[in-house]
Amino acid sequence: MSTNTLKRNKKSVSSRVGNFFVHVFLAMLAAVWVLPIFWIILTSFRAEQGSYVSTFFPKGYTLANYIKLFTDRNVLNFPRMFANTLIIAVFTCIISTFFV
């Protein structure tokens, strides 16, 4: 074997080891980012009252929380809040398109 091939193989091995650790680190960062979002989604379908319960996975699943969100205006007027956000977003896009 030539010395050029040996250098390439050594660099390739060290590069692979470095890439492995980079990928492990990125996987840990992804888990730190994804787990809270996963927990929020699980909590939204939880049948038990409250968001802090003793088990990570819900004992029962329900859509009652979403039904209450979209129908009960006394707790939270979600349709109006969504409309306000949509109006602001549309006008912001229009203004930034013409003035930027």
Foldseek 3Di string as FASTA:
>chain_A
DDVVVVVVVVVVVVVVVVVVVVVVVVVVVVCVVVVVVVQVVQQQQAPDPDSDDDDSHHPDGDCVSVVCVPPPVVVPVVVVVVVVVVVVVVVVVVVVVPPD
